[in-house]
Amino acid sequence: MTNEERVKYWIDLSDRDVDTAGWLIKGGHNLYTGYMCHQAVEKLF
């Protein structure tokens, strides 16, 4: 796996976490929304 593929992989995972956070906030699950946002930022670092 190239470095570019690794970066794309982690960005894709982060995007999925942000999408999940969006669904959670619509459902009123604020605690879990914060956790998913935290996970997304961690993956980008």
N, C-alpha and C. Protein backbone atom coordinates (compact mmCIF):
# COMPACT_ATOMS: atom_id res chain seq x y z
N MET A 1 0.85 -1.17 0.00
CA MET A 1 0.00 0.00 0.00
C MET A 1 0.90 1.24 0.00
N THR A 2 0.62 2.16 -0.90
CA THR A 2 1.41 3.38 -0.98
C THR A 2 0.99 4.35 0.12
N ASN A 3 1.82 5.37 0.35
CA ASN A 3 1.47 6.39 1.35
C ASN A 3 0.17 7.10 0.98
N GLU A 4 -0.01 7.37 -0.31
CA GLU A 4 -1.23 8.05 -0.75
C GLU A 4 -2.47 7.20 -0.46
N GLU A 5 -2.35 5.89 -0.65
CA GLU A 5 -3.47 4.98 -0.37
C GLU A 5 -3.76 4.94 1.13
N ARG A 6 -2.70 4.97 1.94
CA ARG A 6 -2.90 4.97 3.40
C ARG A 6 -3.62 6.24 3.84
N VAL A 7 -3.20 7.37 3.31
CA VAL A 7 -3.83 8.65 3.66
C VAL A 7 -5.30 8.64 3.25
N LYS A 8 -5.59 8.19 2.03
CA LYS A 8 -6.97 8.13 1.55
C LYS A 8 -7.81 7.21 2.43
N TYR A 9 -7.25 6.11 2.84
CA TYR A 9 -7.94 5.16 3.71
C TYR A 9 -8.37 5.83 5.01
N TRP A 10 -7.45 6.54 5.66
CA TRP A 10 -7.76 7.18 6.93
C TRP A 10 -8.73 8.35 6.76
N ILE A 11 -8.61 9.07 5.66
CA ILE A 11 -9.56 10.16 5.40
C ILE A 11 -10.96 9.59 5.17
N ASP A 12 -11.06 8.49 4.44
CA ASP A 12 -12.35 7.84 4.22
C ASP A 12 -12.97 7.38 5.53
N LEU A 13 -12.16 6.80 6.41
CA LEU A 13 -12.68 6.39 7.72
C LEU A 13 -13.18 7.59 8.52
N SER A 14 -12.43 8.67 8.47
CA SER A 14 -12.83 9.88 9.18
C SER A 14 -14.14 10.43 8.63
N ASP A 15 -14.28 10.44 7.31
CA ASP A 15 -15.53 10.89 6.69
C ASP A 15 -16.71 10.04 7.14
N ARG A 16 -16.50 8.76 7.25
CA ARG A 16 -17.56 7.85 7.70
C ARG A 16 -17.95 8.17 9.14
N ASP A 17 -16.97 8.48 9.99
CA ASP A 17 -17.26 8.86 11.37
C ASP A 17 -18.08 10.14 11.43
N VAL A 18 -17.76 11.10 10.57
CA VAL A 18 -18.51 12.36 10.54
C VAL A 18 -19.95 12.10 10.07
N ASP A 19 -20.12 11.25 9.08
CA ASP A 19 -21.46 10.89 8.62
C ASP A 19 -22.26 10.23 9.75
N THR A 20 -21.62 9.34 10.47
CA THR A 20 -22.27 8.67 11.60
C THR A 20 -22.67 9.69 12.67
N ALA A 21 -21.79 10.63 12.93
CA ALA A 21 -22.10 11.68 13.92
C ALA A 21 -23.33 12.48 13.49
N GLY A 22 -23.43 12.74 12.20
CA GLY A 22 -24.61 13.46 11.70
C GLY A 22 -25.90 12.70 11.97
N TRP A 23 -25.87 11.40 11.73
CA TRP A 23 -27.07 10.58 11.98
C TRP A 23 -27.37 10.53 13.48
N LEU A 24 -26.34 10.43 14.29
CA LEU A 24 -26.55 10.37 15.73
C LEU A 24 -27.15 11.65 16.27
N ILE A 25 -26.67 12.80 15.78
CA ILE A 25 -27.20 14.07 16.29
C ILE A 25 -28.67 14.24 15.89
N LYS A 26 -29.03 13.74 14.71
CA LYS A 26 -30.44 13.79 14.30
C LYS A 26 -31.31 12.94 15.21
N GLY A 27 -30.72 11.89 15.75
CA GLY A 27 -31.44 11.01 16.66
C GLY A 27 -31.38 11.44 18.12
N GLY A 28 -30.68 12.54 18.39
CA GLY A 28 -30.62 13.06 19.76
C GLY A 28 -29.60 12.37 20.63
N HIS A 29 -28.66 11.66 20.05
CA HIS A 29 -27.64 10.95 20.83
C HIS A 29 -26.38 11.81 20.92
N ASN A 30 -26.46 12.87 21.69
CA ASN A 30 -25.40 13.87 21.71
C ASN A 30 -24.08 13.36 22.27
N LEU A 31 -24.12 12.51 23.29
CA LEU A 31 -22.88 11.99 23.86
C LEU A 31 -22.11 11.19 22.81
N TYR A 32 -22.80 10.33 22.09
CA TYR A 32 -22.15 9.51 21.08
C TYR A 32 -21.71 10.35 19.88
N THR A 33 -22.42 11.44 19.63
CA THR A 33 -22.03 12.34 18.55
C THR A 33 -20.66 12.93 18.84
N GLY A 34 -20.47 13.38 20.06
CA GLY A 34 -19.18 13.93 20.45
C GLY A 34 -18.06 12.91 20.32
N TYR A 35 -18.36 11.67 20.68
CA TYR A 35 -17.36 10.61 20.57
C TYR A 35 -16.97 10.38 19.11
N MET A 36 -17.95 10.33 18.22
CA MET A 36 -17.66 10.10 16.81
C MET A 36 -16.87 11.26 16.21
N CYS A 37 -17.17 12.49 16.62
CA CYS A 37 -16.39 13.64 16.16
C CYS A 37 -14.95 13.54 16.64
N HIS A 38 -14.79 13.12 17.88
CA HIS A 38 -13.45 12.93 18.44
C HIS A 38 -12.68 11.89 17.62
N GLN A 39 -13.34 10.80 17.30
CA GLN A 39 -12.71 9.75 16.51
C GLN A 39 -12.29 10.26 15.13
N ALA A 40 -13.16 11.06 14.51
CA ALA A 40 -12.86 11.60 13.18
C ALA A 40 -11.61 12.48 13.22
N VAL A 41 -11.52 13.35 14.22
CA VAL A 41 -10.36 14.23 14.33
C VAL A 41 -9.09 13.42 14.60
N GLU A 42 -9.20 12.43 15.46
CA GLU A 42 -8.05 11.59 15.76
C GLU A 42 -7.51 10.91 14.50
N LYS A 43 -8.40 10.43 13.67
CA LYS A 43 -7.97 9.74 12.45
C LYS A 43 -7.30 10.69 11.46
N LEU A 44 -7.70 11.94 11.48
CA LEU A 44 -7.06 12.90 10.58
C LEU A 44 -5.67 13.30 11.05
N PHE A 45 -5.43 13.19 12.35
CA PHE A 45 -4.09 13.49 12.87
C PHE A 45 -3.18 12.31 12.64
